[in-house]
């Protein structure tokens, strides 16, 4: 499958993007070839899958989702601009032509690895959806009566930190990430439950502690309230912030972490009578000696684990159940891993905006970039190369 990158000339204003009526000019590069200046979207080759810098709003406005070979900026799950930043392809010092040429090689490398190793072909609007098809990601078989407790756990992918810090409009943001392959390996090492075997829990002991939960050796789901939250992590915890619905339930994965920082009052519990198990995809992750150093392997690993948390439909079934219990557990594992990272960064004086989906978004004031870069690296997270370049130029 031949891949390329198409970078359209877009107005700087986000508001004006929503008013775009057509796409008149762009740079386009097929992998391994020199980028060319084109006059129209319709000049793009139809035998090439094109990653673009266009967001979902533009796709919807111009009805581009119906075009089989055009993909939005989040096709590889990581945003187009984030990949640019990570690779140091900042357009303030690199031409758009070069960006298109370099990015096209990244796209081709990821697609080649996905196809050669897993047989993934790029048909969907997101590549992790294609991974989900190849992995035969299961449809939800959770009981109707309890599905509503699981779905919000999957949908709550990013925690928006409710902070007392007065963020200035002049603050800049920076997304830092752990090694993608290591993170995927840690997430997929989580023992996840089956959809079947859930039962209403035993009678909850009349005790103010939750230590009795330590005796449960299979996956469980808690309805809870948090009390006496450690003030040092209250802002970072921001329980439920970023979720579309109130968070009344947590997984045992979350309970194991959060009980260190607060008292958890158990109000109800669902217990699975079957033991949890590690998904087979854990053993399918890239495992070569130098794969953790490979940007391609990192993106592929991220596509792999996120594919198991995507919405899955059963053919033409009108069912509104799209997520499995396993997906909820993987999301919980990701949130807790990134919570730990956010906690350490906060303790080192960094302002956290969001965390989850294998990243922490930092908000830093003018003059603080050097500090934020240093603390991110110290805590095992990688800032975008573009931020090091910016810092070198003196914008600290």
Protein backbone atom coordinates (compact mmCIF):
# COMPACT_ATOMS: atom_id res chain seq x y z
CA UNK A 1 0.00 0.00 0.00
CA UNK A 2 1.49 3.35 -1.10
CA UNK A 3 1.17 6.19 1.41
CA UNK A 4 1.78 9.90 1.34
CA UNK A 5 1.21 13.15 3.19
CA UNK A 6 -0.87 16.12 2.02
CA UNK A 7 -0.47 19.43 3.86
CA UNK A 8 -3.14 21.95 2.94
CA UNK A 9 -2.80 25.71 3.24
CA UNK A 10 -5.09 26.57 6.13
CA UNK A 11 -5.92 29.84 7.87
CA UNK A 12 -4.30 30.30 11.27
CA UNK A 13 -7.58 31.13 12.97
CA UNK A 14 -9.44 28.11 14.32
CA UNK A 15 -12.74 29.95 13.82
CA UNK A 16 -12.04 30.48 10.14
CA UNK A 17 -11.23 26.78 9.71
CA UNK A 18 -14.85 26.00 10.41
CA UNK A 19 -15.87 28.23 7.53
CA UNK A 20 -13.66 26.55 4.94
CA UNK A 21 -15.60 25.88 1.75
CA UNK A 22 -12.88 24.25 -0.35
CA UNK A 23 -9.24 23.22 -0.35
CA UNK A 24 -7.30 25.03 -3.03
CA UNK A 25 -3.58 24.63 -2.35
CA UNK A 26 -1.34 22.05 -0.75
CA UNK A 27 2.02 20.33 -0.58
CA UNK A 28 1.89 16.59 -1.26
CA UNK A 29 4.58 13.94 -1.01
CA UNK A 30 4.42 10.23 -1.76
CA UNK A 31 6.84 8.35 0.50
CA UNK A 32 10.37 8.50 -0.84
CA UNK A 33 9.55 11.13 -3.44
CA UNK A 34 10.01 14.87 -3.62
CA UNK A 35 7.00 16.87 -2.47
CA UNK A 36 5.03 18.74 -5.11
CA UNK A 37 2.90 21.83 -4.98
CA UNK A 38 -0.69 21.05 -6.04
CA UNK A 39 -3.63 23.33 -6.71
CA UNK A 40 -6.45 21.16 -5.47
CA UNK A 41 -7.44 18.18 -3.37
CA UNK A 42 -8.57 16.56 -6.62
CA UNK A 43 -4.98 16.57 -7.94
CA UNK A 44 -3.97 13.93 -5.38
CA UNK A 45 -3.26 10.44 -6.73
CA UNK A 46 -6.14 8.07 -6.07
CA UNK A 47 -3.89 5.02 -5.61
CA UNK A 48 -2.25 6.54 -2.52
CA UNK A 49 -3.52 6.71 1.08
CA UNK A 50 -3.02 10.32 2.15
CA UNK A 51 -2.53 11.48 5.73
CA UNK A 52 -3.55 15.13 5.90
CA UNK A 53 -3.36 18.00 8.37
CA UNK A 54 -7.17 18.36 8.26
CA UNK A 55 -9.19 17.88 11.43
CA UNK A 56 -12.54 16.16 11.85
CA UNK A 57 -14.48 19.42 11.60
CA UNK A 58 -13.11 20.14 8.14
CA UNK A 59 -13.70 16.54 7.08
CA UNK A 60 -17.31 16.81 8.17
CA UNK A 61 -17.84 20.23 6.58
CA UNK A 62 -16.45 19.16 3.21
CA UNK A 63 -17.81 15.60 3.41
CA UNK A 64 -14.34 14.14 3.01
CA UNK A 65 -15.15 11.01 5.03
CA UNK A 66 -16.68 9.61 1.83
CA UNK A 67 -13.32 9.79 0.03
CA UNK A 68 -11.66 6.37 0.41
CA UNK A 69 -8.03 7.50 0.25
CA UNK A 70 -8.05 10.70 2.34
CA UNK A 71 -7.41 10.55 6.10
CA UNK A 72 -7.76 13.15 8.85
CA UNK A 73 -4.93 14.35 11.09
CA UNK A 74 -5.60 11.69 13.76
CA UNK A 75 -5.46 8.66 11.45
CA UNK A 76 -2.37 7.32 13.25
CA UNK A 77 -4.05 8.18 16.59
CA UNK A 78 -1.32 10.72 17.37
CA UNK A 79 -2.23 14.09 15.87
CA UNK A 80 -0.37 15.25 12.77
CA UNK A 81 1.03 18.32 14.56
CA UNK A 82 2.16 16.23 17.54
CA UNK A 83 4.18 13.93 15.28
CA UNK A 84 5.68 17.04 13.69
CA UNK A 85 6.63 18.39 17.09
CA UNK A 86 8.06 15.08 18.28
CA UNK A 87 10.28 14.77 15.20
CA UNK A 88 11.42 18.39 15.30
CA UNK A 89 9.66 19.28 12.04
CA UNK A 90 8.59 22.69 13.27
CA UNK A 91 7.54 24.84 10.33
CA UNK A 92 9.17 27.87 11.96
CA UNK A 93 12.54 26.50 10.82
CA UNK A 94 11.67 23.73 8.32
CA UNK A 95 9.77 24.31 5.10
CA UNK A 96 6.37 22.72 4.56
CA UNK A 97 7.88 20.85 1.61
CA UNK A 98 10.38 19.13 3.89
CA UNK A 99 7.68 18.40 6.48
CA UNK A 100 5.60 16.62 3.84
CA UNK A 101 8.58 14.57 2.62
CA UNK A 102 9.70 13.49 6.09
CA UNK A 103 6.21 12.79 7.43
CA UNK A 104 5.35 10.67 4.38
CA UNK A 105 8.22 8.32 5.22
CA UNK A 106 6.94 7.93 8.79
CA UNK A 107 3.43 7.10 7.55
CA UNK A 108 4.74 4.57 5.04
CA UNK A 109 6.92 2.93 7.67
CA UNK A 110 4.01 2.51 10.10
CA UNK A 111 1.68 1.12 7.43
CA UNK A 112 4.36 -1.27 6.15
CA UNK A 113 5.00 -2.60 9.66
CA UNK A 114 1.26 -2.97 10.34
CA UNK A 115 0.71 -4.82 7.07
CA UNK A 116 3.78 -7.06 7.13
CA UNK A 117 3.57 -8.06 10.79
CA UNK A 118 -0.18 -8.13 11.44
CA UNK A 119 -1.85 -8.13 8.03
CA UNK A 120 -3.50 -4.77 8.74
CA UNK A 121 -4.76 -2.96 5.65
CA UNK A 122 -5.73 0.73 5.87
CA UNK A 123 -9.43 0.82 5.10
CA UNK A 124 -10.93 2.74 8.04
CA UNK A 125 -10.78 6.40 9.03
CA UNK A 126 -8.49 5.45 11.93
CA UNK A 127 -5.73 2.88 11.67
CA UNK A 128 -6.40 1.48 15.14
CA UNK A 129 -9.90 0.55 13.90
CA UNK A 130 -8.19 -1.57 11.23
CA UNK A 131 -6.05 -3.17 13.94
CA UNK A 132 -9.24 -3.92 15.88
CA UNK A 133 -10.67 -5.75 12.86
CA UNK A 134 -7.55 -7.86 12.39
CA UNK A 135 -7.43 -8.64 16.11
CA UNK A 136 -11.12 -9.58 15.88
CA UNK A 137 -11.80 -7.28 18.81
CA UNK A 138 -14.89 -8.73 20.52
CA UNK A 139 -18.24 -7.02 20.70
CA UNK A 140 -19.59 -6.36 24.15
CA UNK A 141 -21.27 -9.25 25.91
CA UNK A 142 -21.74 -7.41 29.19
CA UNK A 143 -25.14 -7.77 30.90
CA UNK A 144 -27.54 -5.03 29.84
CA UNK A 145 -28.30 -4.14 33.45
CA UNK A 146 -24.65 -3.39 34.25
CA UNK A 147 -23.25 -2.10 30.95
CA UNK A 148 -23.84 1.51 32.01
CA UNK A 149 -21.25 1.04 34.79
CA UNK A 150 -18.51 -0.04 32.36
CA UNK A 151 -18.95 2.29 29.35
CA UNK A 152 -17.93 5.54 31.12
CA UNK A 153 -14.67 3.90 32.18
CA UNK A 154 -13.72 3.42 28.52
CA UNK A 155 -15.01 6.78 27.31
CA UNK A 156 -13.09 8.67 30.00
CA UNK A 157 -9.78 8.61 28.18
CA UNK A 158 -8.35 11.94 29.37
CA UNK A 159 -8.42 13.40 32.88
CA UNK A 160 -8.77 17.19 32.79
CA UNK A 161 -6.99 18.52 35.86
CA UNK A 162 -9.09 20.93 37.90
CA UNK A 163 -6.35 23.25 39.07
CA UNK A 164 -6.26 26.28 41.34
CA UNK A 165 -3.32 27.53 39.31
CA UNK A 166 -4.32 30.63 37.38
CA UNK A 167 -3.33 29.75 33.83
CA UNK A 168 -2.49 32.80 31.80
CA UNK A 169 -3.65 33.17 28.22
CA UNK A 170 0.04 33.50 27.36
CA UNK A 171 0.92 30.08 28.78
CA UNK A 172 2.19 27.55 26.28
CA UNK A 173 1.42 23.84 26.33
CA UNK A 174 3.62 20.82 25.79
CA UNK A 175 2.68 17.15 25.44
CA UNK A 176 5.16 14.72 26.98
CA UNK A 177 5.01 10.95 26.62
CA UNK A 178 6.64 7.83 28.00
CA UNK A 179 8.26 5.48 25.54
CA UNK A 180 5.24 4.31 23.52
CA UNK A 181 6.30 0.67 23.31
CA UNK A 182 7.11 0.44 27.04
CA UNK A 183 3.78 2.06 27.86
CA UNK A 184 1.85 -0.32 25.60
CA UNK A 185 3.64 -3.25 27.22
CA UNK A 186 2.67 -2.02 30.69
CA UNK A 187 -0.97 -1.39 29.73
CA UNK A 188 -1.38 -4.73 27.98
CA UNK A 189 0.19 -6.56 30.94
CA UNK A 190 -3.00 -5.76 32.86
CA UNK A 191 -5.11 -8.76 33.78
CA UNK A 192 -8.50 -7.98 32.28
CA UNK A 193 -11.88 -9.58 33.04
CA UNK A 194 -14.32 -11.40 30.80
CA UNK A 195 -17.70 -9.89 29.95
CA UNK A 196 -19.45 -12.90 31.46
CA UNK A 197 -19.38 -14.05 35.07
CA UNK A 198 -20.30 -10.77 36.77
CA UNK A 199 -22.31 -11.06 39.96
CA UNK A 200 -23.67 -8.67 42.53
CA UNK A 201 -21.12 -8.60 45.30
CA UNK A 202 -21.28 -9.99 48.77
CA UNK A 203 -22.83 -7.99 51.56
CA UNK A 204 -20.55 -5.04 52.20
CA UNK A 205 -18.98 -5.25 55.67
CA UNK A 206 -19.96 -2.60 58.17
CA UNK A 207 -16.50 -1.13 58.32
CA UNK A 208 -14.93 2.19 57.40
CA UNK A 209 -11.90 0.55 55.79
CA UNK A 210 -11.61 -1.16 52.42
CA UNK A 211 -9.01 -3.72 53.47
CA UNK A 212 -11.53 -6.56 53.00
CA UNK A 213 -11.21 -6.04 49.25
CA UNK A 214 -7.68 -7.46 49.46
CA UNK A 215 -9.21 -10.91 49.85
CA UNK A 216 -10.90 -10.76 46.44
CA UNK A 217 -8.66 -12.44 43.86
CA UNK A 218 -10.77 -11.86 40.73
CA UNK A 219 -11.62 -8.58 38.94
CA UNK A 220 -14.16 -6.32 40.62
CA UNK A 221 -15.93 -3.03 40.04
CA UNK A 222 -16.74 -0.63 42.89
CA UNK A 223 -19.37 2.02 43.41
CA UNK A 224 -17.66 4.33 45.84
CA UNK A 225 -17.07 7.71 47.39
CA UNK A 226 -13.66 9.27 48.02
CA UNK A 227 -12.91 10.84 51.40
CA UNK A 228 -9.92 12.49 53.05
CA UNK A 229 -8.06 12.93 49.77
CA UNK A 230 -4.38 13.74 50.24
CA UNK A 231 -4.22 17.50 49.52
CA UNK A 232 -0.90 17.07 47.71
CA UNK A 233 -2.55 15.08 44.91
CA UNK A 234 -6.16 16.35 45.05
CA UNK A 235 -5.75 18.55 41.97
CA UNK A 236 -3.96 15.87 39.97
CA UNK A 237 -6.50 13.22 40.90
CA UNK A 238 -9.41 15.40 39.69
CA UNK A 239 -11.64 12.35 39.81
CA UNK A 240 -14.06 12.28 36.90
CA UNK A 241 -12.89 15.57 35.37
CA UNK A 242 -13.05 15.19 31.60
CA UNK A 243 -15.71 12.50 31.78
CA UNK A 244 -19.03 13.11 30.03
CA UNK A 245 -20.97 11.42 32.82
CA UNK A 246 -20.40 11.31 36.60
CA UNK A 247 -17.86 8.68 37.64
CA UNK A 248 -19.50 6.53 40.31
CA UNK A 249 -17.61 3.30 39.65
CA UNK A 250 -13.95 2.34 39.55
CA UNK A 251 -12.04 -0.81 38.59
CA UNK A 252 -9.84 -2.80 40.93
CA UNK A 253 -6.87 -1.41 38.94
CA UNK A 254 -7.80 2.12 39.99
CA UNK A 255 -8.62 1.07 43.54
CA UNK A 256 -5.14 -0.43 44.00
CA UNK A 257 -3.54 2.94 43.19
CA UNK A 258 -5.96 5.48 44.62
CA UNK A 259 -6.31 3.88 48.04
CA UNK A 260 -2.80 5.17 48.75
CA UNK A 261 -4.05 8.75 48.61
CA UNK A 262 -7.56 8.72 50.05
CA UNK A 263 -10.16 6.73 51.95
CA UNK A 264 -12.46 4.77 49.66
CA UNK A 265 -15.95 4.04 50.95
CA UNK A 266 -17.46 1.07 49.14
CA UNK A 267 -21.15 1.49 48.38
CA UNK A 268 -21.68 -1.40 45.96
CA UNK A 269 -19.55 -3.99 44.21
CA UNK A 270 -19.67 -6.25 41.17
CA UNK A 271 -17.32 -9.24 41.23
CA UNK A 272 -16.37 -11.49 38.35
CA UNK A 273 -16.21 -15.14 39.33
CA UNK A 274 -13.51 -15.76 36.69
CA UNK A 275 -9.86 -14.76 37.09
CA UNK A 276 -8.51 -11.96 34.93
CA UNK A 277 -6.08 -12.75 32.13
CA UNK A 278 -3.53 -10.92 30.01
CA UNK A 279 -4.64 -10.39 26.40
CA UNK A 280 -2.71 -12.21 23.68
CA UNK A 281 -1.78 -8.88 22.08
CA UNK A 282 0.72 -8.37 24.90
CA UNK A 283 2.85 -11.10 23.35
CA UNK A 284 2.44 -9.62 19.88
CA UNK A 285 4.08 -6.27 20.64
CA UNK A 286 7.37 -5.49 18.87
CA UNK A 287 10.10 -7.27 20.81
CA UNK A 288 13.31 -6.73 18.87
CA UNK A 289 16.47 -5.63 20.66
CA UNK A 290 16.19 -2.04 19.44
CA UNK A 291 12.42 -1.77 18.94
CA UNK A 292 12.00 0.55 21.93
CA UNK A 293 14.21 3.02 20.06
CA UNK A 294 12.07 2.82 16.92
CA UNK A 295 9.57 5.62 16.34
CA UNK A 296 7.66 3.31 13.97
CA UNK A 297 7.40 0.54 16.58
CA UNK A 298 6.22 3.06 19.14
CA UNK A 299 3.37 4.27 16.95
CA UNK A 300 2.44 0.69 16.05
CA UNK A 301 2.39 -0.35 19.72
CA UNK A 302 0.13 2.58 20.57
CA UNK A 303 -2.21 1.66 17.73
CA UNK A 304 -2.28 -1.91 19.03
CA UNK A 305 -3.38 -1.22 22.59
CA UNK A 306 -5.79 1.60 21.72
CA UNK A 307 -7.43 -0.64 19.09
CA UNK A 308 -8.68 -2.80 21.96
CA UNK A 309 -10.48 0.17 23.52
CA UNK A 310 -12.30 1.37 20.40
CA UNK A 311 -16.05 1.17 19.82
CA UNK A 312 -16.95 -2.20 18.26
CA UNK A 313 -20.29 -2.84 16.55
CA UNK A 314 -21.88 -6.19 15.81
CA UNK A 315 -22.62 -5.92 12.07
CA UNK A 316 -25.92 -4.10 11.58
CA UNK A 317 -26.95 -4.73 15.17
CA UNK A 318 -28.74 -1.74 16.68
CA UNK A 319 -27.29 -2.53 20.11
CA UNK A 320 -25.90 0.42 22.03
CA UNK A 321 -23.31 -1.77 23.77
CA UNK A 322 -19.95 -1.11 22.12
CA UNK A 323 -17.30 -1.66 24.80
CA UNK A 324 -16.03 -4.71 26.64
CA UNK A 325 -14.97 -5.05 30.26
CA UNK A 326 -11.42 -5.60 29.00
CA UNK A 327 -11.50 -2.17 27.31
CA UNK A 328 -12.51 -0.56 30.61
CA UNK A 329 -9.61 -2.24 32.40
CA UNK A 330 -7.07 -1.17 29.77
CA UNK A 331 -8.25 2.43 29.97
CA UNK A 332 -8.06 2.29 33.76
CA UNK A 333 -4.51 0.96 33.60
CA UNK A 334 -3.50 3.74 31.21
CA UNK A 335 -5.07 6.42 33.43
CA UNK A 336 -3.30 5.16 36.53
CA UNK A 337 0.08 4.89 34.80
CA UNK A 338 -0.21 8.45 33.54
CA UNK A 339 -1.57 9.60 36.91
CA UNK A 340 1.70 8.43 38.46
CA UNK A 341 3.67 10.39 35.87
CA UNK A 342 1.52 13.49 36.41
CA UNK A 343 1.90 13.16 40.17
CA UNK A 344 5.71 13.17 39.94
CA UNK A 345 5.76 16.11 37.54
CA UNK A 346 3.43 18.08 39.77
CA UNK A 347 5.66 17.38 42.77
CA UNK A 348 8.52 18.84 40.71
CA UNK A 349 6.65 22.09 40.21
CA UNK A 350 5.03 21.48 36.81
CA UNK A 351 1.48 22.52 36.02
CA UNK A 352 -0.62 19.66 34.63
CA UNK A 353 -3.50 20.33 32.23
CA UNK A 354 -4.50 16.78 31.26
CA UNK A 355 -3.26 13.21 31.36
CA UNK A 356 -4.25 9.86 29.88
CA UNK A 357 -3.96 7.97 26.57
CA UNK A 358 -0.22 7.68 27.09
CA UNK A 359 0.52 11.37 27.56
CA UNK A 360 0.66 14.30 29.97
CA UNK A 361 -0.17 17.79 28.74
CA UNK A 362 1.72 20.51 30.61
CA UNK A 363 0.93 24.21 30.79
CA UNK A 364 4.03 26.30 31.34
CA UNK A 365 4.46 30.07 31.80
CA UNK A 366 6.92 32.22 29.94
CA UNK A 367 10.49 31.56 30.98
CA UNK A 368 9.81 28.09 32.39
CA UNK A 369 10.49 25.88 29.36
CA UNK A 370 13.95 24.82 30.53
CA UNK A 371 12.54 23.71 33.88
CA UNK A 372 9.71 21.73 32.27
CA UNK A 373 12.02 20.02 29.80
CA UNK A 374 14.41 19.00 32.54
CA UNK A 375 11.72 17.66 34.88
CA UNK A 376 10.01 15.73 32.09
CA UNK A 377 13.24 13.97 31.13
CA UNK A 378 14.11 13.36 34.80
CA UNK A 379 10.77 11.59 35.24
CA UNK A 380 11.17 9.34 32.21
CA UNK A 381 8.99 11.29 29.80
CA UNK A 382 10.03 12.57 26.39
CA UNK A 383 9.18 16.12 25.37
CA UNK A 384 8.82 16.92 21.65
CA UNK A 385 12.11 17.56 19.86
CA UNK A 386 10.66 20.88 18.66
CA UNK A 387 10.59 22.11 22.27
CA UNK A 388 14.30 21.42 22.67
CA UNK A 389 14.89 23.33 19.44
CA UNK A 390 12.76 26.20 20.71
CA UNK A 391 14.67 26.25 23.98
CA UNK A 392 18.00 26.25 22.14
CA UNK A 393 16.93 29.30 20.16
CA UNK A 394 16.54 31.12 23.44
CA UNK A 395 12.78 31.04 23.97
CA UNK A 396 13.09 29.73 27.50
